[in-house]
Amino acid sequence: MLKQACEVQKEDVALITFYLGELGKYGQWDQVDAAYAQYEHCLPHSERLMISARQAFAKGENDQAIARYEALLALQPGNDSAVEYLLTSYNRAGQADKAQAYLDAQISQYGESLRALDLMVNHTRDDAKRVQALVRITELYPLEYDSARRLAYYYLSRDETAQAESLCKALLEKNANHADNLLLQAEICLKRGDWAQAKANAKAAITHSPNSDAAFEALMRTHTAPAEKVAVIREFGEVLKTLPNADDGVWNFWHFARNWLDVDEQRAFCDA
């Protein structure tokens, strides 16, 4: 229908741009090329740059993507999406030094704004700078819970459990029933070897977010003996039956159940 609408409203820039974007979203690049050639003449220069840059990015043509996003940002320096794509293109092209220079310039220009720090976290290849940016986000922007959790997981990966626990405690004080906070607590308990508390937190996380792959994987890691794994899978299955909208949770159940439960028991769960 979008194609037909564009053929009728051939000068509607917003409609044409949306149509091209939808084609690109689903990887229909041959159709994008054809439609772009058909409607290029009625698109403003900035729109042409944006569309051609996205095409180059999606096709892995990093040098072309870089050139086009740089040109677009010269016209629209506040285009956040273009900044994200440009930095990703730099890194994909092996130009991490250019990405870092851009990130450092953002900090110099805007100070420790949330946007500049987020860019540093997501695009730097320098682990020390990434962690420093995460620390500053948690200090300056206490409502940025995702960054606090990300920093906590970094500490866990380095066996700095006490620092992870401190962040997790603060998160739980703000929202004790948030699935991601409960999952973080489960991971900390697993790191400490507190299997019972890890299981309790993982189950609580699943109750609040039944489709969470990570929560179910954490639950499965609370047990190692085969009989215990079978028991926890069965227990998880009973929990799922009480929860609405748990389609991914059912898939998680099946993913593990197929290796531990017999076919009849799996079928009985599906029938229920």
C-alpha atoms as a PDB file:
ATOM      1  CA  MET A   1       0.000   0.000   0.000  1.00  0.00           C
ATOM      2  CA  LEU A   2       2.875   2.374   0.711  1.00  0.00           C
ATOM      3  CA  LYS A   3       4.196   1.873  -2.795  1.00  0.00           C
ATOM      4  CA  GLN A   4       0.812   2.740  -4.292  1.00  0.00           C
ATOM      5  CA  ALA A   5       0.445   5.745  -1.991  1.00  0.00           C
ATOM      6  CA  CYS A   6       3.828   7.087  -3.131  1.00  0.00           C
ATOM      7  CA  GLU A   7       2.819   6.676  -6.760  1.00  0.00           C
ATOM      8  CA  VAL A   8      -0.255   8.803  -6.095  1.00  0.00           C
ATOM      9  CA  GLN A   9       1.445  11.387  -3.847  1.00  0.00           C
ATOM     10  CA  LYS A  10       4.729  11.701  -5.700  1.00  0.00           C
ATOM     11  CA  GLU A  11       5.755  14.938  -3.994  1.00  0.00           C
ATOM     12  CA  ASP A  12       5.043  13.877  -0.402  1.00  0.00           C
ATOM     13  CA  VAL A  13       8.558  13.873   1.054  1.00  0.00           C
ATOM     14  CA  ALA A  14       7.522  12.478   4.460  1.00  0.00           C
ATOM     15  CA  LEU A  15       5.621   9.594   2.853  1.00  0.00           C
ATOM     16  CA  ILE A  16       8.437   8.741   0.448  1.00  0.00           C
ATOM     17  CA  THR A  17      11.033   8.865   3.210  1.00  0.00           C
ATOM     18  CA  PHE A  18       8.894   6.598   5.389  1.00  0.00           C
ATOM     19  CA  TYR A  19       8.407   4.159   2.496  1.00  0.00           C
ATOM     20  CA  LEU A  20      12.131   3.959   1.814  1.00  0.00           C
ATOM     21  CA  GLY A  21      12.814   3.527   5.522  1.00  0.00           C
ATOM     22  CA  GLU A  22      10.339   0.642   5.781  1.00  0.00           C
ATOM     23  CA  LEU A  23      11.920  -1.101   2.798  1.00  0.00           C
ATOM     24  CA  GLY A  24      15.348  -0.700   4.370  1.00  0.00           C
ATOM     25  CA  LYS A  25      14.110  -1.962   7.746  1.00  0.00           C
ATOM     26  CA  TYR A  26      13.303  -5.307   6.140  1.00  0.00           C
ATOM     27  CA  GLY A  27      16.436  -5.456   4.006  1.00  0.00           C
ATOM     28  CA  GLN A  28      14.678  -4.919   0.679  1.00  0.00           C
ATOM     29  CA  TRP A  29      17.673  -3.114  -0.778  1.00  0.00           C
ATOM     30  CA  ASP A  30      16.908  -3.828  -4.437  1.00  0.00           C
ATOM     31  CA  GLN A  31      13.532  -2.190  -3.942  1.00  0.00           C
ATOM     32  CA  VAL A  32      15.143   0.675  -2.017  1.00  0.00           C
ATOM     33  CA  ASP A  33      17.531   1.301  -4.908  1.00  0.00           C
ATOM     34  CA  ALA A  34      14.680   1.302  -7.432  1.00  0.00           C
ATOM     35  CA  ALA A  35      12.424   3.538  -5.335  1.00  0.00           C
ATOM     36  CA  TYR A  36      15.284   5.900  -4.515  1.00  0.00           C
ATOM     37  CA  ALA A  37      16.086   6.310  -8.199  1.00  0.00           C
ATOM     38  CA  GLN A  38      12.409   7.014  -8.876  1.00  0.00           C
ATOM     39  CA  TYR A  39      11.907   9.629  -6.155  1.00  0.00           C
ATOM     40  CA  GLU A  40      15.386  11.082  -5.614  1.00  0.00           C
ATOM     41  CA  HIS A  41      14.550  14.225  -7.573  1.00  0.00           C
ATOM     42  CA  CYS A  42      11.856  15.320  -5.111  1.00  0.00           C
ATOM     43  CA  LEU A  43      13.847  14.711  -1.918  1.00  0.00           C
ATOM     44  CA  PRO A  44      15.819  17.476  -0.172  1.00  0.00           C
ATOM     45  CA  HIS A  45      19.597  17.086  -0.155  1.00  0.00           C
ATOM     46  CA  SER A  46      19.658  16.129   3.543  1.00  0.00           C
ATOM     47  CA  GLU A  47      17.078  13.381   3.001  1.00  0.00           C
ATOM     48  CA  ARG A  48      19.052  12.001   0.056  1.00  0.00           C
ATOM     49  CA  LEU A  49      22.182  11.946   2.184  1.00  0.00           C
ATOM     50  CA  MET A  50      20.397  10.211   5.050  1.00  0.00           C
ATOM     51  CA  ILE A  51      18.859   7.516   2.856  1.00  0.00           C
ATOM     52  CA  SER A  52      22.035   6.837   0.896  1.00  0.00           C
ATOM     53  CA  ALA A  53      24.035   6.718   4.140  1.00  0.00           C
ATOM     54  CA  ARG A  54      21.656   4.130   5.595  1.00  0.00           C
ATOM     55  CA  GLN A  55      21.924   2.083   2.420  1.00  0.00           C
ATOM     56  CA  ALA A  56      25.716   2.103   2.575  1.00  0.00           C
ATOM     57  CA  PHE A  57      25.684   1.248   6.287  1.00  0.00           C
ATOM     58  CA  ALA A  58      23.298  -1.675   5.848  1.00  0.00           C
ATOM     59  CA  LYS A  59      25.350  -3.060   2.963  1.00  0.00           C
ATOM     60  CA  GLY A  60      28.569  -2.854   4.991  1.00  0.00           C
ATOM     61  CA  GLU A  61      30.052  -0.190   2.707  1.00  0.00           C
ATOM     62  CA  ASN A  62      31.718   1.538   5.639  1.00  0.00           C
ATOM     63  CA  ASP A  63      33.804   4.140   3.794  1.00  0.00           C
ATOM     64  CA  GLN A  64      30.775   5.359   1.867  1.00  0.00           C
ATOM     65  CA  ALA A  65      28.648   5.361   5.011  1.00  0.00           C
ATOM     66  CA  ILE A  66      31.279   7.432   6.822  1.00  0.00           C
ATOM     67  CA  ALA A  67      31.511   9.986   4.022  1.00  0.00           C
ATOM     68  CA  ARG A  68      27.749  10.376   3.823  1.00  0.00           C
ATOM     69  CA  TYR A  69      27.135  10.581   7.555  1.00  0.00           C
ATOM     70  CA  GLU A  70      29.924  13.133   7.910  1.00  0.00           C
ATOM     71  CA  ALA A  71      28.302  15.192   5.157  1.00  0.00           C
ATOM     72  CA  LEU A  72      24.884  14.839   6.785  1.00  0.00           C
ATOM     73  CA  LEU A  73      26.208  15.931  10.180  1.00  0.00           C
ATOM     74  CA  ALA A  74      27.806  18.974   8.576  1.00  0.00           C
ATOM     75  CA  LEU A  75      24.252  19.986   7.657  1.00  0.00           C
ATOM     76  CA  GLN A  76      22.519  18.621  10.766  1.00  0.00           C
ATOM     77  CA  PRO A  77      25.009  18.564  13.659  1.00  0.00           C
ATOM     78  CA  GLY A  78      22.231  17.695  16.103  1.00  0.00           C
ATOM     79  CA  ASN A  79      21.159  14.525  14.284  1.00  0.00           C
ATOM     80  CA  ASP A  80      21.662  11.965  17.062  1.00  0.00           C
ATOM     81  CA  SER A  81      20.870   8.971  14.869  1.00  0.00           C
ATOM     82  CA  ALA A  82      23.514  10.018  12.339  1.00  0.00           C
ATOM     83  CA  VAL A  83      26.083  10.337  15.145  1.00  0.00           C
ATOM     84  CA  GLU A  84      25.367   6.775  16.308  1.00  0.00           C
ATOM     85  CA  TYR A  85      25.698   5.383  12.793  1.00  0.00           C
ATOM     86  CA  LEU A  86      28.857   7.371  12.090  1.00  0.00           C
ATOM     87  CA  LEU A  87      30.597   6.124  15.236  1.00  0.00           C
ATOM     88  CA  THR A  88      29.570   2.546  14.498  1.00  0.00           C
ATOM     89  CA  SER A  89      30.867   2.931  10.942  1.00  0.00           C
ATOM     90  CA  TYR A  90      34.209   4.261  12.188  1.00  0.00           C
ATOM     91  CA  ASN A  91      34.630   1.237  14.442  1.00  0.00           C
ATOM     92  CA  ARG A  92      33.498  -1.229  11.792  1.00  0.00           C
ATOM     93  CA  ALA A  93      35.995   0.273   9.346  1.00  0.00           C
ATOM     94  CA  GLY A  94      38.865  -0.130  11.813  1.00  0.00           C
ATOM     95  CA  GLN A  95      38.994   3.607  12.499  1.00  0.00           C
ATOM     96  CA  ALA A  96      38.590   3.443  16.271  1.00  0.00           C
ATOM     97  CA  ASP A  97      40.967   6.399  16.596  1.00  0.00           C
ATOM     98  CA  LYS A  98      38.519   8.610  14.682  1.00  0.00           C
ATOM     99  CA  ALA A  99      35.637   7.372  16.799  1.00  0.00           C
ATOM    100  CA  GLN A 100      37.593   8.137  19.967  1.00  0.00           C
ATOM    101  CA  ALA A 101      38.540  11.600  18.743  1.00  0.00           C
ATOM    102  CA  TYR A 102      34.868  12.315  18.046  1.00  0.00           C
ATOM    103  CA  LEU A 103      33.843  11.037  21.480  1.00  0.00           C
ATOM    104  CA  ASP A 104      36.512  13.082  23.237  1.00  0.00           C
ATOM    105  CA  ALA A 105      35.393  16.156  21.301  1.00  0.00           C
ATOM    106  CA  GLN A 106      31.807  15.610  22.482  1.00  0.00           C
ATOM    107  CA  ILE A 107      32.960  15.607  26.107  1.00  0.00           C
ATOM    108  CA  SER A 108      35.058  18.724  25.499  1.00  0.00           C
ATOM    109  CA  GLN A 109      32.179  20.519  23.810  1.00  0.00           C
ATOM    110  CA  TYR A 110      29.249  19.459  25.984  1.00  0.00           C
ATOM    111  CA  GLY A 111      30.933  18.477  29.228  1.00  0.00           C
ATOM    112  CA  GLU A 112      29.661  15.429  31.055  1.00  0.00           C
ATOM    113  CA  SER A 113      26.197  15.610  29.550  1.00  0.00           C
ATOM    114  CA  LEU A 114      24.235  12.373  29.619  1.00  0.00           C
ATOM    115  CA  ARG A 115      24.296  12.208  25.830  1.00  0.00           C
ATOM    116  CA  ALA A 116      28.089  12.620  25.600  1.00  0.00           C
ATOM    117  CA  LEU A 117      28.683  10.051  28.342  1.00  0.00           C
ATOM    118  CA  ASP A 118      26.250   7.580  26.758  1.00  0.00           C
ATOM    119  CA  LEU A 119      28.080   7.880  23.452  1.00  0.00           C
ATOM    120  CA  MET A 120      31.367   7.169  25.215  1.00  0.00           C
ATOM    121  CA  VAL A 121      29.922   4.081  26.905  1.00  0.00           C
ATOM    122  CA  ASN A 122      28.432   2.668  23.720  1.00  0.00           C
ATOM    123  CA  HIS A 123      31.128   3.448  21.173  1.00  0.00           C
ATOM    124  CA  THR A 124      34.581   3.692  22.744  1.00  0.00           C
ATOM    125  CA  ARG A 125      36.988   0.783  22.336  1.00  0.00           C
ATOM    126  CA  ASP A 126      38.880   1.963  25.422  1.00  0.00           C
ATOM    127  CA  ASP A 127      37.611  -0.071  28.388  1.00  0.00           C
ATOM    128  CA  ALA A 128      38.976   2.397  30.937  1.00  0.00           C
ATOM    129  CA  LYS A 129      37.102   5.296  29.326  1.00  0.00           C
ATOM    130  CA  ARG A 130      33.921   3.220  29.091  1.00  0.00           C
ATOM    131  CA  VAL A 131      34.026   2.395  32.790  1.00  0.00           C
ATOM    132  CA  GLN A 132      34.890   5.984  33.710  1.00  0.00           C
ATOM    133  CA  ALA A 133      31.866   7.184  31.729  1.00  0.00           C
ATOM    134  CA  LEU A 134      29.603   4.625  33.424  1.00  0.00           C
ATOM    135  CA  VAL A 135      30.847   5.727  36.836  1.00  0.00           C
ATOM    136  CA  ARG A 136      30.163   9.369  36.017  1.00  0.00           C
ATOM    137  CA  ILE A 137      26.655   8.558  34.762  1.00  0.00           C
ATOM    138  CA  THR A 138      25.792   6.774  38.000  1.00  0.00           C
ATOM    139  CA  GLU A 139      27.207   9.689  40.007  1.00  0.00           C
ATOM    140  CA  LEU A 140      25.654  12.514  38.013  1.00  0.00           C
ATOM    141  CA  TYR A 141      22.420  10.895  36.813  1.00  0.00           C
ATOM    142  CA  PRO A 142      21.120   8.617  39.593  1.00  0.00           C
ATOM    143  CA  LEU A 143      17.936   7.799  37.679  1.00  0.00           C
ATOM    144  CA  GLU A 144      19.897   6.131  34.866  1.00  0.00           C
ATOM    145  CA  TYR A 145      19.334   2.642  36.219  1.00  0.00           C
ATOM    146  CA  ASP A 146      20.445   0.766  33.094  1.00  0.00           C
ATOM    147  CA  SER A 147      23.887   2.349  33.325  1.00  0.00           C
ATOM    148  CA  ALA A 148      24.137   1.461  37.007  1.00  0.00           C
ATOM    149  CA  ARG A 149      23.303  -2.159  36.217  1.00  0.00           C
ATOM    150  CA  ARG A 150      25.791  -2.196  33.362  1.00  0.00           C
ATOM    151  CA  LEU A 151      28.506  -0.918  35.693  1.00  0.00           C
ATOM    152  CA  ALA A 152      27.562  -3.541  38.289  1.00  0.00           C
ATOM    153  CA  TYR A 153      27.930  -6.316  35.720  1.00  0.00           C
ATOM    154  CA  TYR A 154      31.336  -4.920  34.775  1.00  0.00           C
ATOM    155  CA  TYR A 155      32.397  -5.153  38.423  1.00  0.00           C
ATOM    156  CA  LEU A 156      31.089  -8.717  38.588  1.00  0.00           C
ATOM    157  CA  SER A 157      33.116  -9.664  35.510  1.00  0.00           C
ATOM    158  CA  ARG A 158      36.220  -8.482  37.376  1.00  0.00           C
ATOM    159  CA  ASP A 159      35.237 -10.266  40.600  1.00  0.00           C
ATOM    160  CA  GLU A 160      34.730  -6.903  42.313  1.00  0.00           C
ATOM    161  CA  THR A 161      31.619  -8.262  43.985  1.00  0.00           C
ATOM    162  CA  ALA A 162      31.429  -5.732  46.813  1.00  0.00           C
ATOM    163  CA  GLN A 163      31.157  -2.821  44.374  1.00  0.00           C
ATOM    164  CA  ALA A 164      28.513  -4.652  42.360  1.00  0.00           C
ATOM    165  CA  GLU A 165      26.573  -5.351  45.557  1.00  0.00           C
ATOM    166  CA  SER A 166      26.672  -1.697  46.548  1.00  0.00           C
ATOM    167  CA  LEU A 167      25.131  -0.650  43.244  1.00  0.00           C
ATOM    168  CA  CYS A 168      22.578  -3.454  43.380  1.00  0.00           C
ATOM    169  CA  LYS A 169      21.523  -2.522  46.906  1.00  0.00           C
ATOM    170  CA  ALA A 170      20.851   1.049  45.795  1.00  0.00           C
ATOM    171  CA  LEU A 171      18.849  -0.186  42.795  1.00  0.00           C
ATOM    172  CA  LEU A 172      16.752  -2.528  44.927  1.00  0.00           C
ATOM    173  CA  GLU A 173      16.038   0.283  47.379  1.00  0.00           C
ATOM    174  CA  LYS A 174      14.578   2.272  44.493  1.00  0.00           C
ATOM    175  CA  ASN A 175      12.623  -0.634  42.987  1.00  0.00           C
ATOM    176  CA  ALA A 176      12.702  -3.960  44.780  1.00  0.00           C
ATOM    177  CA  ASN A 177      10.397  -5.636  42.245  1.00  0.00           C
ATOM    178  CA  HIS A 178      12.150  -4.674  39.019  1.00  0.00           C
ATOM    179  CA  ALA A 179      13.076  -7.848  37.136  1.00  0.00           C
ATOM    180  CA  ASP A 180      16.473  -6.522  36.036  1.00  0.00           C
ATOM    181  CA  ASN A 181      17.398  -5.583  39.608  1.00  0.00           C
ATOM    182  CA  LEU A 182      16.347  -9.013  40.873  1.00  0.00           C
ATOM    183  CA  LEU A 183      18.337 -10.681  38.109  1.00  0.00           C
ATOM    184  CA  LEU A 184      21.415  -8.651  39.033  1.00  0.00           C
ATOM    185  CA  GLN A 185      20.989  -9.744  42.645  1.00  0.00           C
ATOM    186  CA  ALA A 186      20.705 -13.359  41.469  1.00  0.00           C
ATOM    187  CA  GLU A 187      23.957 -13.043  39.518  1.00  0.00           C
ATOM    188  CA  ILE A 188      25.706 -11.588  42.573  1.00  0.00           C
ATOM    189  CA  CYS A 189      24.448 -14.488  44.697  1.00  0.00           C
ATOM    190  CA  LEU A 190      25.678 -16.954  42.082  1.00  0.00           C
ATOM    191  CA  LYS A 191      29.087 -15.293  42.177  1.00  0.00           C
ATOM    192  CA  ARG A 192      29.119 -15.674  45.977  1.00  0.00           C
ATOM    193  CA  GLY A 193      27.892 -19.269  45.826  1.00  0.00           C
ATOM    194  CA  ASP A 194      24.652 -18.485  47.644  1.00  0.00           C
ATOM    195  CA  TRP A 195      22.574 -20.876  45.537  1.00  0.00           C
ATOM    196  CA  ALA A 196      19.342 -20.683  47.536  1.00  0.00           C
ATOM    197  CA  GLN A 197      19.176 -16.880  47.424  1.00  0.00           C
ATOM    198  CA  ALA A 198      20.196 -16.876  43.761  1.00  0.00           C
ATOM    199  CA  LYS A 199      17.309 -19.223  42.996  1.00  0.00           C
ATOM    200  CA  ALA A 200      14.855 -17.070  44.940  1.00  0.00           C
ATOM    201  CA  ASN A 201      15.926 -13.919  43.098  1.00  0.00           C
ATOM    202  CA  ALA A 202      15.905 -15.596  39.681  1.00  0.00           C
ATOM    203  CA  LYS A 203      12.396 -16.937  40.302  1.00  0.00           C
ATOM    204  CA  ALA A 204      11.240 -13.496  41.419  1.00  0.00           C
ATOM    205  CA  ALA A 205      12.740 -11.961  38.267  1.00  0.00           C
ATOM    206  CA  ILE A 206      10.862 -14.489  36.130  1.00  0.00           C
ATOM    207  CA  THR A 207       7.608 -13.735  37.949  1.00  0.00           C
ATOM    208  CA  HIS A 208       7.976 -10.064  37.015  1.00  0.00           C
ATOM    209  CA  SER A 209       9.407 -10.743  33.536  1.00  0.00           C
ATOM    210  CA  PRO A 210       8.410 -14.259  32.417  1.00  0.00           C
ATOM    211  CA  ASN A 211       9.969 -13.843  28.972  1.00  0.00           C
ATOM    212  CA  SER A 212      13.455 -13.051  30.280  1.00  0.00           C
ATOM    213  CA  ASP A 213      16.030 -15.425  28.795  1.00  0.00           C
ATOM    214  CA  ALA A 214      18.703 -14.225  31.212  1.00  0.00           C
ATOM    215  CA  ALA A 215      16.552 -14.827  34.294  1.00  0.00           C
ATOM    216  CA  PHE A 216      15.778 -18.404  33.281  1.00  0.00           C
ATOM    217  CA  GLU A 217      19.416 -19.089  32.450  1.00  0.00           C
ATOM    218  CA  ALA A 218      20.379 -17.765  35.888  1.00  0.00           C
ATOM    219  CA  LEU A 219      17.758 -20.015  37.461  1.00  0.00           C
ATOM    220  CA  MET A 220      19.201 -23.036  35.670  1.00  0.00           C
ATOM    221  CA  ARG A 221      22.689 -22.190  36.943  1.00  0.00           C
ATOM    222  CA  THR A 222      21.508 -22.384  40.540  1.00  0.00           C
ATOM    223  CA  HIS A 223      21.603 -26.182  40.248  1.00  0.00           C
ATOM    224  CA  THR A 224      24.178 -28.573  38.820  1.00  0.00           C
ATOM    225  CA  ALA A 225      22.935 -32.049  39.756  1.00  0.00           C
ATOM    226  CA  PRO A 226      20.701 -33.615  37.051  1.00  0.00           C
ATOM    227  CA  ALA A 227      17.851 -34.375  39.455  1.00  0.00           C
ATOM    228  CA  GLU A 228      17.895 -30.788  40.716  1.00  0.00           C
ATOM    229  CA  LYS A 229      17.805 -29.404  37.169  1.00  0.00           C
ATOM    230  CA  VAL A 230      14.789 -31.562  36.354  1.00  0.00           C
ATOM    231  CA  ALA A 231      13.059 -30.353  39.516  1.00  0.00           C
ATOM    232  CA  VAL A 232      13.693 -26.683  38.782  1.00  0.00           C
ATOM    233  CA  ILE A 233      12.466 -27.071  35.178  1.00  0.00           C
ATOM    234  CA  ARG A 234       9.240 -28.614  36.439  1.00  0.00           C
ATOM    235  CA  GLU A 235       8.889 -25.871  39.020  1.00  0.00           C
ATOM    236  CA  PHE A 236       9.446 -23.228  36.350  1.00  0.00           C
ATOM    237  CA  GLY A 237       6.793 -24.868  34.176  1.00  0.00           C
ATOM    238  CA  GLU A 238       4.241 -24.583  36.982  1.00  0.00           C
ATOM    239  CA  VAL A 239       5.096 -20.909  37.460  1.00  0.00           C
ATOM    240  CA  LEU A 240       4.634 -20.249  33.734  1.00  0.00           C
ATOM    241  CA  LYS A 241       1.131 -21.708  33.804  1.00  0.00           C
ATOM    242  CA  THR A 242       0.086 -18.917  36.160  1.00  0.00           C
ATOM    243  CA  LEU A 243       1.571 -16.065  34.122  1.00  0.00           C
ATOM    244  CA  PRO A 244      -0.072 -14.323  31.141  1.00  0.00           C
ATOM    245  CA  ASN A 245       1.805 -13.337  27.987  1.00  0.00           C
ATOM    246  CA  ALA A 246       4.741 -15.666  28.570  1.00  0.00           C
ATOM    247  CA  ASP A 247       5.325 -16.928  25.029  1.00  0.00           C
ATOM    248  CA  ASP A 248       9.104 -16.517  25.204  1.00  0.00           C
ATOM    249  CA  GLY A 249       9.041 -18.066  28.650  1.00  0.00           C
ATOM    250  CA  VAL A 250       7.401 -21.166  27.165  1.00  0.00           C
ATOM    251  CA  TRP A 251      10.172 -21.316  24.583  1.00  0.00           C
ATOM    252  CA  ASN A 252      12.753 -21.064  27.381  1.00  0.00           C
ATOM    253  CA  PHE A 253      11.020 -23.933  29.165  1.00  0.00           C
ATOM    254  CA  TRP A 254      11.092 -26.089  26.055  1.00  0.00           C
ATOM    255  CA  HIS A 255      14.715 -25.159  25.274  1.00  0.00           C
ATOM    256  CA  PHE A 256      15.874 -26.766  28.519  1.00  0.00           C
ATOM    257  CA  ALA A 257      13.075 -29.304  28.992  1.00  0.00           C
ATOM    258  CA  ARG A 258      13.872 -31.089  25.719  1.00  0.00           C
ATOM    259  CA  ASN A 259      17.210 -32.163  27.223  1.00  0.00           C
ATOM    260  CA  TRP A 260      15.902 -33.120  30.661  1.00  0.00           C
ATOM    261  CA  LEU A 261      12.240 -34.159  30.463  1.00  0.00           C
ATOM    262  CA  ASP A 262      10.773 -36.990  28.420  1.00  0.00           C
ATOM    263  CA  VAL A 263       8.547 -36.254  25.444  1.00  0.00           C
ATOM    264  CA  ASP A 264       5.325 -37.177  27.223  1.00  0.00           C
ATOM    265  CA  GLU A 265       6.003 -34.695  30.009  1.00  0.00           C
ATOM    266  CA  GLN A 266       6.841 -31.953  27.506  1.00  0.00           C
ATOM    267  CA  ARG A 267       3.616 -32.687  25.622  1.00  0.00           C
ATOM    268  CA  ALA A 268       1.594 -32.614  28.841  1.00  0.00           C
ATOM    269  CA  PHE A 269       2.980 -29.152  29.609  1.00  0.00           C
ATOM    270  CA  CYS A 270       1.975 -27.885  26.164  1.00  0.00           C
ATOM    271  CA  ASP A 271      -1.503 -29.379  26.488  1.00  0.00           C
ATOM    272  CA  ALA A 272      -1.972 -27.657  29.833  1.00  0.00           C
END
